[in-house]
Amino acid sequence: MTVRPFVPWPDKRLRTTAAPIDAVTDDIRQLWQDMIDTMEAMPGVGLAAPQIGVMLRVAVVDASETRGEAIRMANPEILHASVKLRDHEEGSPNLPGVWAKLSRPRAVTVAYLDETGARVEKDFVGLWATSVQHQIDHLNGKMFFDHLSKVKRDMLIRKARKR
Protein backbone atom coordinates (compact mmCIF):
# COMPACT_ATOMS: atom_id res chain seq x y z
CA MET A 1 0.00 0.00 0.00
CA THR A 2 1.46 3.32 -1.09
CA VAL A 3 -0.13 6.54 0.09
CA ARG A 4 1.29 9.55 -1.72
CA PRO A 5 1.43 13.10 -0.35
CA PHE A 6 -0.86 15.80 -1.70
CA VAL A 7 0.40 18.88 -3.51
CA PRO A 8 -0.59 21.87 -1.34
CA TRP A 9 -2.57 24.70 -2.89
CA PRO A 10 -1.49 27.18 -4.39
CA ASP A 11 1.15 24.97 -6.07
CA LYS A 12 1.18 25.86 -9.79
CA ARG A 13 0.72 22.20 -10.79
CA LEU A 14 -2.86 22.47 -9.54
CA ARG A 15 -3.41 25.18 -12.18
CA THR A 16 -1.74 23.27 -15.03
CA THR A 17 -3.52 21.08 -17.58
CA ALA A 18 -2.33 17.48 -17.25
CA ALA A 19 -0.82 15.68 -20.26
CA PRO A 20 -2.73 12.85 -21.95
CA ILE A 21 -1.25 9.38 -21.82
CA ASP A 22 -0.47 7.43 -24.99
CA ALA A 23 -1.08 3.95 -23.58
CA VAL A 24 -2.06 2.19 -20.39
CA THR A 25 1.17 0.65 -19.11
CA ASP A 26 2.17 -1.18 -15.94
CA ASP A 27 3.45 2.18 -14.62
CA ILE A 28 -0.01 3.70 -15.12
CA ARG A 29 -1.63 0.69 -13.45
CA GLN A 30 0.71 1.12 -10.46
CA LEU A 31 -0.08 4.85 -10.36
CA TRP A 32 -3.81 4.00 -10.28
CA GLN A 33 -3.22 1.61 -7.37
CA ASP A 34 -1.23 4.25 -5.46
CA MET A 35 -4.02 6.75 -6.14
CA ILE A 36 -6.67 4.33 -4.83
CA ASP A 37 -4.59 3.72 -1.69
CA THR A 38 -4.21 7.50 -1.26
CA MET A 39 -7.93 8.13 -1.88
CA GLU A 40 -8.92 5.48 0.67
CA ALA A 41 -6.53 6.93 3.26
CA MET A 42 -8.15 10.41 2.91
CA PRO A 43 -10.93 9.08 2.83
CA GLY A 44 -12.42 10.43 -0.37
CA VAL A 45 -14.49 9.50 -3.42
CA GLY A 46 -12.02 10.48 -6.14
CA LEU A 47 -8.50 11.56 -6.94
CA ALA A 48 -6.76 13.02 -9.98
CA ALA A 49 -3.04 12.50 -10.60
CA PRO A 50 -2.13 16.23 -10.47
CA GLN A 51 -3.33 16.28 -6.85
CA ILE A 52 -0.32 14.13 -5.98
CA GLY A 53 2.02 15.95 -8.36
CA VAL A 54 1.80 13.59 -11.35
CA MET A 55 0.89 15.68 -14.39
CA LEU A 56 -0.92 12.97 -16.37
CA ARG A 57 -4.62 12.72 -17.30
CA VAL A 58 -5.27 9.86 -14.91
CA ALA A 59 -8.00 9.67 -12.24
CA VAL A 60 -9.81 7.25 -9.96
CA VAL A 61 -13.34 7.45 -8.57
CA ASP A 62 -15.12 5.29 -6.00
CA ALA A 63 -18.43 6.67 -4.78
CA SER A 64 -19.77 3.24 -3.82
CA GLU A 65 -21.25 2.72 -0.37
CA THR A 66 -19.19 -0.39 0.33
CA ARG A 67 -15.96 0.83 -1.32
CA GLY A 68 -13.72 -1.39 -3.43
CA GLU A 69 -15.43 -0.42 -6.71
CA ALA A 70 -12.92 2.14 -7.95
CA ILE A 71 -13.13 3.13 -11.60
CA ARG A 72 -9.73 3.78 -13.18
CA MET A 73 -9.77 6.40 -15.93
CA ALA A 74 -7.13 7.69 -18.33
CA ASN A 75 -7.80 10.66 -20.62
CA PRO A 76 -11.41 11.07 -19.41
CA GLU A 77 -13.66 13.46 -21.29
CA ILE A 78 -17.29 14.38 -20.74
CA LEU A 79 -19.39 13.57 -23.81
CA HIS A 80 -22.81 14.54 -22.43
CA ALA A 81 -24.07 16.24 -19.28
CA SER A 82 -27.61 16.36 -17.96
CA VAL A 83 -29.50 19.62 -17.76
CA LYS A 84 -30.72 18.69 -14.28
CA LEU A 85 -28.27 19.81 -11.61
CA ARG A 86 -27.30 18.30 -8.26
CA ASP A 87 -25.98 20.25 -5.27
CA HIS A 88 -23.11 18.79 -3.27
CA GLU A 89 -20.55 20.04 -0.75
CA GLU A 90 -17.12 19.75 -2.35
CA GLY A 91 -13.62 20.09 -0.98
CA SER A 92 -10.09 19.04 -1.79
CA PRO A 93 -7.21 17.53 0.19
CA ASN A 94 -5.02 20.08 -1.62
CA LEU A 95 -6.84 22.84 0.29
CA PRO A 96 -7.91 21.06 3.48
CA GLY A 97 -10.60 22.24 5.84
CA VAL A 98 -12.76 24.25 3.45
CA TRP A 99 -15.86 23.18 1.58
CA ALA A 100 -18.36 24.81 -0.75
CA LYS A 101 -21.74 23.79 -2.13
CA LEU A 102 -21.59 23.48 -5.91
CA SER A 103 -24.24 22.66 -8.50
CA ARG A 104 -23.08 20.30 -11.22
CA PRO A 105 -24.93 18.18 -13.79
CA ARG A 106 -26.62 15.27 -12.02
CA ALA A 107 -25.52 12.81 -14.72
CA VAL A 108 -22.67 12.67 -17.23
CA THR A 109 -21.50 10.33 -19.97
CA VAL A 110 -17.73 10.02 -19.96
CA ALA A 111 -15.30 8.41 -22.41
CA TYR A 112 -11.97 7.17 -21.05
CA LEU A 113 -9.35 4.44 -21.33
CA ASP A 114 -9.82 1.70 -18.72
CA GLU A 115 -7.17 -0.48 -17.06
CA THR A 116 -6.91 -2.68 -20.18
CA GLY A 117 -6.39 0.33 -22.45
CA ALA A 118 -9.84 -0.05 -24.04
CA ARG A 119 -11.93 3.03 -24.74
CA VAL A 120 -15.06 2.95 -22.59
CA GLU A 121 -18.15 5.18 -22.53
CA LYS A 122 -19.92 5.10 -19.19
CA ASP A 123 -22.83 6.95 -17.60
CA PHE A 124 -22.34 8.30 -14.08
CA VAL A 125 -25.15 9.60 -11.86
CA GLY A 126 -25.32 11.35 -8.48
CA LEU A 127 -22.17 11.37 -6.36
CA TRP A 128 -20.34 9.33 -9.04
CA ALA A 129 -21.07 12.08 -11.60
CA THR A 130 -20.07 14.84 -9.19
CA SER A 131 -16.76 13.14 -8.41
CA VAL A 132 -15.94 12.40 -12.06
CA GLN A 133 -16.56 16.06 -12.96
CA HIS A 134 -14.46 17.20 -9.99
CA GLN A 135 -11.54 14.97 -11.08
CA ILE A 136 -11.74 16.15 -14.71
CA ASP A 137 -11.60 19.73 -13.40
CA HIS A 138 -8.32 18.84 -11.63
CA LEU A 139 -6.97 17.35 -14.87
CA ASN A 140 -7.81 20.67 -16.56
CA GLY A 141 -6.05 22.77 -13.92
CA LYS A 142 -9.23 23.85 -12.15
CA MET A 143 -10.11 23.73 -8.46
CA PHE A 144 -13.64 23.29 -7.10
CA PHE A 145 -13.75 26.90 -5.88
CA ASP A 146 -13.29 28.14 -9.47
CA HIS A 147 -17.02 27.44 -9.86
CA LEU A 148 -17.87 30.00 -7.16
CA SER A 149 -18.48 33.71 -7.55
CA LYS A 150 -15.41 35.90 -6.95
CA VAL A 151 -16.75 37.03 -3.56
CA LYS A 152 -17.40 33.47 -2.35
CA ARG A 153 -14.10 32.23 -3.78
CA ASP A 154 -12.13 35.01 -2.03
CA MET A 155 -13.89 34.27 1.28
CA LEU A 156 -13.10 30.56 0.98
CA ILE A 157 -9.43 31.20 0.17
CA ARG A 158 -9.11 33.63 3.11
CA LYS A 159 -10.63 31.00 5.40
CA ALA A 160 -8.20 28.38 4.09
CA ARG A 161 -5.19 30.66 4.65
CA LYS A 162 -6.22 31.19 8.29
CA ARG A 163 -6.04 27.44 8.83
C-alpha atoms as a PDB file:
ATOM      1  CA  MET A   1       0.000   0.000   0.000  1.00  0.00           C
ATOM      2  CA  THR A   2       1.461   3.322  -1.092  1.00  0.00           C
ATOM      3  CA  VAL A   3      -0.127   6.544   0.089  1.00  0.00           C
ATOM      4  CA  ARG A   4       1.286   9.553  -1.721  1.00  0.00           C
ATOM      5  CA  PRO A   5       1.431  13.105  -0.346  1.00  0.00           C
ATOM      6  CA  PHE A   6      -0.863  15.798  -1.696  1.00  0.00           C
ATOM      7  CA  VAL A   7       0.402  18.878  -3.515  1.00  0.00           C
ATOM      8  CA  PRO A   8      -0.587  21.873  -1.345  1.00  0.00           C
ATOM      9  CA  TRP A   9      -2.573  24.698  -2.886  1.00  0.00           C
ATOM     10  CA  PRO A  10      -1.487  27.180  -4.387  1.00  0.00           C
ATOM     11  CA  ASP A  11       1.152  24.968  -6.066  1.00  0.00           C
ATOM     12  CA  LYS A  12       1.179  25.860  -9.788  1.00  0.00           C
ATOM     13  CA  ARG A  13       0.723  22.201 -10.786  1.00  0.00           C
ATOM     14  CA  LEU A  14      -2.865  22.469  -9.538  1.00  0.00           C
ATOM     15  CA  ARG A  15      -3.410  25.177 -12.183  1.00  0.00           C
ATOM     16  CA  THR A  16      -1.741  23.267 -15.033  1.00  0.00           C
ATOM     17  CA  THR A  17      -3.521  21.080 -17.584  1.00  0.00           C
ATOM     18  CA  ALA A  18      -2.331  17.478 -17.255  1.00  0.00           C
ATOM     19  CA  ALA A  19      -0.815  15.682 -20.257  1.00  0.00           C
ATOM     20  CA  PRO A  20      -2.726  12.853 -21.954  1.00  0.00           C
ATOM     21  CA  ILE A  21      -1.251   9.380 -21.817  1.00  0.00           C
ATOM     22  CA  ASP A  22      -0.469   7.427 -24.985  1.00  0.00           C
ATOM     23  CA  ALA A  23      -1.083   3.947 -23.583  1.00  0.00           C
ATOM     24  CA  VAL A  24      -2.058   2.185 -20.389  1.00  0.00           C
ATOM     25  CA  THR A  25       1.167   0.652 -19.111  1.00  0.00           C
ATOM     26  CA  ASP A  26       2.168  -1.177 -15.944  1.00  0.00           C
ATOM     27  CA  ASP A  27       3.454   2.176 -14.621  1.00  0.00           C
ATOM     28  CA  ILE A  28      -0.010   3.701 -15.122  1.00  0.00           C
ATOM     29  CA  ARG A  29      -1.631   0.687 -13.453  1.00  0.00           C
ATOM     30  CA  GLN A  30       0.707   1.122 -10.461  1.00  0.00           C
ATOM     31  CA  LEU A  31      -0.084   4.850 -10.357  1.00  0.00           C
ATOM     32  CA  TRP A  32      -3.814   4.001 -10.278  1.00  0.00           C
ATOM     33  CA  GLN A  33      -3.223   1.614  -7.371  1.00  0.00           C
ATOM     34  CA  ASP A  34      -1.232   4.246  -5.457  1.00  0.00           C
ATOM     35  CA  MET A  35      -4.025   6.748  -6.142  1.00  0.00           C
ATOM     36  CA  ILE A  36      -6.673   4.325  -4.833  1.00  0.00           C
ATOM     37  CA  ASP A  37      -4.588   3.723  -1.694  1.00  0.00           C
ATOM     38  CA  THR A  38      -4.211   7.496  -1.257  1.00  0.00           C
ATOM     39  CA  MET A  39      -7.930   8.126  -1.879  1.00  0.00           C
ATOM     40  CA  GLU A  40      -8.916   5.477   0.670  1.00  0.00           C
ATOM     41  CA  ALA A  41      -6.530   6.928   3.261  1.00  0.00           C
ATOM     42  CA  MET A  42      -8.150  10.415   2.914  1.00  0.00           C
ATOM     43  CA  PRO A  43     -10.933   9.082   2.835  1.00  0.00           C
ATOM     44  CA  GLY A  44     -12.425  10.430  -0.373  1.00  0.00           C
ATOM     45  CA  VAL A  45     -14.486   9.503  -3.422  1.00  0.00           C
ATOM     46  CA  GLY A  46     -12.021  10.477  -6.139  1.00  0.00           C
ATOM     47  CA  LEU A  47      -8.497  11.557  -6.935  1.00  0.00           C
ATOM     48  CA  ALA A  48      -6.762  13.024  -9.983  1.00  0.00           C
ATOM     49  CA  ALA A  49      -3.044  12.499 -10.598  1.00  0.00           C
ATOM     50  CA  PRO A  50      -2.126  16.234 -10.467  1.00  0.00           C
ATOM     51  CA  GLN A  51      -3.327  16.281  -6.850  1.00  0.00           C
ATOM     52  CA  ILE A  52      -0.318  14.127  -5.985  1.00  0.00           C
ATOM     53  CA  GLY A  53       2.024  15.954  -8.362  1.00  0.00           C
ATOM     54  CA  VAL A  54       1.797  13.593 -11.347  1.00  0.00           C
ATOM     55  CA  MET A  55       0.894  15.676 -14.387  1.00  0.00           C
ATOM     56  CA  LEU A  56      -0.920  12.973 -16.369  1.00  0.00           C
ATOM     57  CA  ARG A  57      -4.621  12.721 -17.302  1.00  0.00           C
ATOM     58  CA  VAL A  58      -5.272   9.858 -14.907  1.00  0.00           C
ATOM     59  CA  ALA A  59      -8.000   9.672 -12.243  1.00  0.00           C
ATOM     60  CA  VAL A  60      -9.808   7.254  -9.957  1.00  0.00           C
ATOM     61  CA  VAL A  61     -13.342   7.451  -8.569  1.00  0.00           C
ATOM     62  CA  ASP A  62     -15.116   5.286  -5.999  1.00  0.00           C
ATOM     63  CA  ALA A  63     -18.428   6.673  -4.781  1.00  0.00           C
ATOM     64  CA  SER A  64     -19.775   3.243  -3.824  1.00  0.00           C
ATOM     65  CA  GLU A  65     -21.249   2.717  -0.374  1.00  0.00           C
ATOM     66  CA  THR A  66     -19.188  -0.394   0.335  1.00  0.00           C
ATOM     67  CA  ARG A  67     -15.960   0.832  -1.320  1.00  0.00           C
ATOM     68  CA  GLY A  68     -13.721  -1.389  -3.426  1.00  0.00           C
ATOM     69  CA  GLU A  69     -15.432  -0.420  -6.709  1.00  0.00           C
ATOM     70  CA  ALA A  70     -12.920   2.144  -7.953  1.00  0.00           C
ATOM     71  CA  ILE A  71     -13.128   3.134 -11.598  1.00  0.00           C
ATOM     72  CA  ARG A  72      -9.731   3.785 -13.178  1.00  0.00           C
ATOM     73  CA  MET A  73      -9.771   6.403 -15.928  1.00  0.00           C
ATOM     74  CA  ALA A  74      -7.131   7.690 -18.333  1.00  0.00           C
ATOM     75  CA  ASN A  75      -7.798  10.664 -20.622  1.00  0.00           C
ATOM     76  CA  PRO A  76     -11.411  11.065 -19.406  1.00  0.00           C
ATOM     77  CA  GLU A  77     -13.664  13.458 -21.287  1.00  0.00           C
ATOM     78  CA  ILE A  78     -17.289  14.384 -20.744  1.00  0.00           C
ATOM     79  CA  LEU A  79     -19.387  13.570 -23.811  1.00  0.00           C
ATOM     80  CA  HIS A  80     -22.808  14.536 -22.430  1.00  0.00           C
ATOM     81  CA  ALA A  81     -24.068  16.245 -19.278  1.00  0.00           C
ATOM     82  CA  SER A  82     -27.614  16.360 -17.958  1.00  0.00           C
ATOM     83  CA  VAL A  83     -29.503  19.618 -17.760  1.00  0.00           C
ATOM     84  CA  LYS A  84     -30.721  18.687 -14.283  1.00  0.00           C
ATOM     85  CA  LEU A  85     -28.269  19.808 -11.607  1.00  0.00           C
ATOM     86  CA  ARG A  86     -27.302  18.297  -8.264  1.00  0.00           C
ATOM     87  CA  ASP A  87     -25.980  20.254  -5.273  1.00  0.00           C
ATOM     88  CA  HIS A  88     -23.110  18.793  -3.270  1.00  0.00           C
ATOM     89  CA  GLU A  89     -20.549  20.037  -0.748  1.00  0.00           C
ATOM     90  CA  GLU A  90     -17.116  19.753  -2.353  1.00  0.00           C
ATOM     91  CA  GLY A  91     -13.621  20.090  -0.983  1.00  0.00           C
ATOM     92  CA  SER A  92     -10.087  19.042  -1.792  1.00  0.00           C
ATOM     93  CA  PRO A  93      -7.210  17.534   0.193  1.00  0.00           C
ATOM     94  CA  ASN A  94      -5.018  20.082  -1.619  1.00  0.00           C
ATOM     95  CA  LEU A  95      -6.837  22.839   0.290  1.00  0.00           C
ATOM     96  CA  PRO A  96      -7.912  21.063   3.484  1.00  0.00           C
ATOM     97  CA  GLY A  97     -10.602  22.244   5.842  1.00  0.00           C
ATOM     98  CA  VAL A  98     -12.756  24.252   3.452  1.00  0.00           C
ATOM     99  CA  TRP A  99     -15.862  23.179   1.576  1.00  0.00           C
ATOM    100  CA  ALA A 100     -18.356  24.811  -0.753  1.00  0.00           C
ATOM    101  CA  LYS A 101     -21.743  23.794  -2.126  1.00  0.00           C
ATOM    102  CA  LEU A 102     -21.591  23.477  -5.911  1.00  0.00           C
ATOM    103  CA  SER A 103     -24.237  22.665  -8.495  1.00  0.00           C
ATOM    104  CA  ARG A 104     -23.083  20.299 -11.222  1.00  0.00           C
ATOM    105  CA  PRO A 105     -24.929  18.183 -13.792  1.00  0.00           C
ATOM    106  CA  ARG A 106     -26.620  15.268 -12.025  1.00  0.00           C
ATOM    107  CA  ALA A 107     -25.516  12.814 -14.717  1.00  0.00           C
ATOM    108  CA  VAL A 108     -22.674  12.670 -17.233  1.00  0.00           C
ATOM    109  CA  THR A 109     -21.499  10.325 -19.968  1.00  0.00           C
ATOM    110  CA  VAL A 110     -17.727  10.021 -19.961  1.00  0.00           C
ATOM    111  CA  ALA A 111     -15.304   8.413 -22.411  1.00  0.00           C
ATOM    112  CA  TYR A 112     -11.971   7.165 -21.050  1.00  0.00           C
ATOM    113  CA  LEU A 113      -9.352   4.444 -21.326  1.00  0.00           C
ATOM    114  CA  ASP A 114      -9.816   1.701 -18.725  1.00  0.00           C
ATOM    115  CA  GLU A 115      -7.168  -0.484 -17.063  1.00  0.00           C
ATOM    116  CA  THR A 116      -6.912  -2.677 -20.175  1.00  0.00           C
ATOM    117  CA  GLY A 117      -6.387   0.327 -22.450  1.00  0.00           C
ATOM    118  CA  ALA A 118      -9.837  -0.050 -24.036  1.00  0.00           C
ATOM    119  CA  ARG A 119     -11.934   3.033 -24.744  1.00  0.00           C
ATOM    120  CA  VAL A 120     -15.062   2.954 -22.593  1.00  0.00           C
ATOM    121  CA  GLU A 121     -18.150   5.177 -22.531  1.00  0.00           C
ATOM    122  CA  LYS A 122     -19.918   5.099 -19.185  1.00  0.00           C
ATOM    123  CA  ASP A 123     -22.827   6.945 -17.598  1.00  0.00           C
ATOM    124  CA  PHE A 124     -22.338   8.298 -14.081  1.00  0.00           C
ATOM    125  CA  VAL A 125     -25.153   9.602 -11.856  1.00  0.00           C
ATOM    126  CA  GLY A 126     -25.321  11.348  -8.480  1.00  0.00           C
ATOM    127  CA  LEU A 127     -22.170  11.369  -6.360  1.00  0.00           C
ATOM    128  CA  TRP A 128     -20.344   9.335  -9.036  1.00  0.00           C
ATOM    129  CA  ALA A 129     -21.074  12.077 -11.604  1.00  0.00           C
ATOM    130  CA  THR A 130     -20.069  14.840  -9.188  1.00  0.00           C
ATOM    131  CA  SER A 131     -16.755  13.143  -8.407  1.00  0.00           C
ATOM    132  CA  VAL A 132     -15.937  12.405 -12.058  1.00  0.00           C
ATOM    133  CA  GLN A 133     -16.556  16.064 -12.962  1.00  0.00           C
ATOM    134  CA  HIS A 134     -14.459  17.200  -9.988  1.00  0.00           C
ATOM    135  CA  GLN A 135     -11.541  14.975 -11.084  1.00  0.00           C
ATOM    136  CA  ILE A 136     -11.745  16.148 -14.709  1.00  0.00           C
ATOM    137  CA  ASP A 137     -11.602  19.726 -13.395  1.00  0.00           C
ATOM    138  CA  HIS A 138      -8.324  18.840 -11.628  1.00  0.00           C
ATOM    139  CA  LEU A 139      -6.972  17.354 -14.870  1.00  0.00           C
ATOM    140  CA  ASN A 140      -7.810  20.670 -16.562  1.00  0.00           C
ATOM    141  CA  GLY A 141      -6.050  22.772 -13.923  1.00  0.00           C
ATOM    142  CA  LYS A 142      -9.228  23.851 -12.147  1.00  0.00           C
ATOM    143  CA  MET A 143     -10.106  23.732  -8.463  1.00  0.00           C
ATOM    144  CA  PHE A 144     -13.643  23.293  -7.100  1.00  0.00           C
ATOM    145  CA  PHE A 145     -13.748  26.897  -5.882  1.00  0.00           C
ATOM    146  CA  ASP A 146     -13.289  28.142  -9.468  1.00  0.00           C
ATOM    147  CA  HIS A 147     -17.021  27.443  -9.856  1.00  0.00           C
ATOM    148  CA  LEU A 148     -17.875  30.003  -7.155  1.00  0.00           C
ATOM    149  CA  SER A 149     -18.482  33.714  -7.546  1.00  0.00           C
ATOM    150  CA  LYS A 150     -15.414  35.898  -6.952  1.00  0.00           C
ATOM    151  CA  VAL A 151     -16.750  37.028  -3.561  1.00  0.00           C
ATOM    152  CA  LYS A 152     -17.404  33.465  -2.349  1.00  0.00           C
ATOM    153  CA  ARG A 153     -14.103  32.230  -3.775  1.00  0.00           C
ATOM    154  CA  ASP A 154     -12.132  35.006  -2.031  1.00  0.00           C
ATOM    155  CA  MET A 155     -13.889  34.268   1.276  1.00  0.00           C
ATOM    156  CA  LEU A 156     -13.105  30.561   0.980  1.00  0.00           C
ATOM    157  CA  ILE A 157      -9.430  31.202   0.174  1.00  0.00           C
ATOM    158  CA  ARG A 158      -9.107  33.629   3.112  1.00  0.00           C
ATOM    159  CA  LYS A 159     -10.628  30.999   5.396  1.00  0.00           C
ATOM    160  CA  ALA A 160      -8.196  28.382   4.086  1.00  0.00           C
ATOM    161  CA  ARG A 161      -5.191  30.660   4.651  1.00  0.00           C
ATOM    162  CA  LYS A 162      -6.218  31.194   8.289  1.00  0.00           C
ATOM    163  CA  ARG A 163      -6.037  27.442   8.835  1.00  0.00           C
END
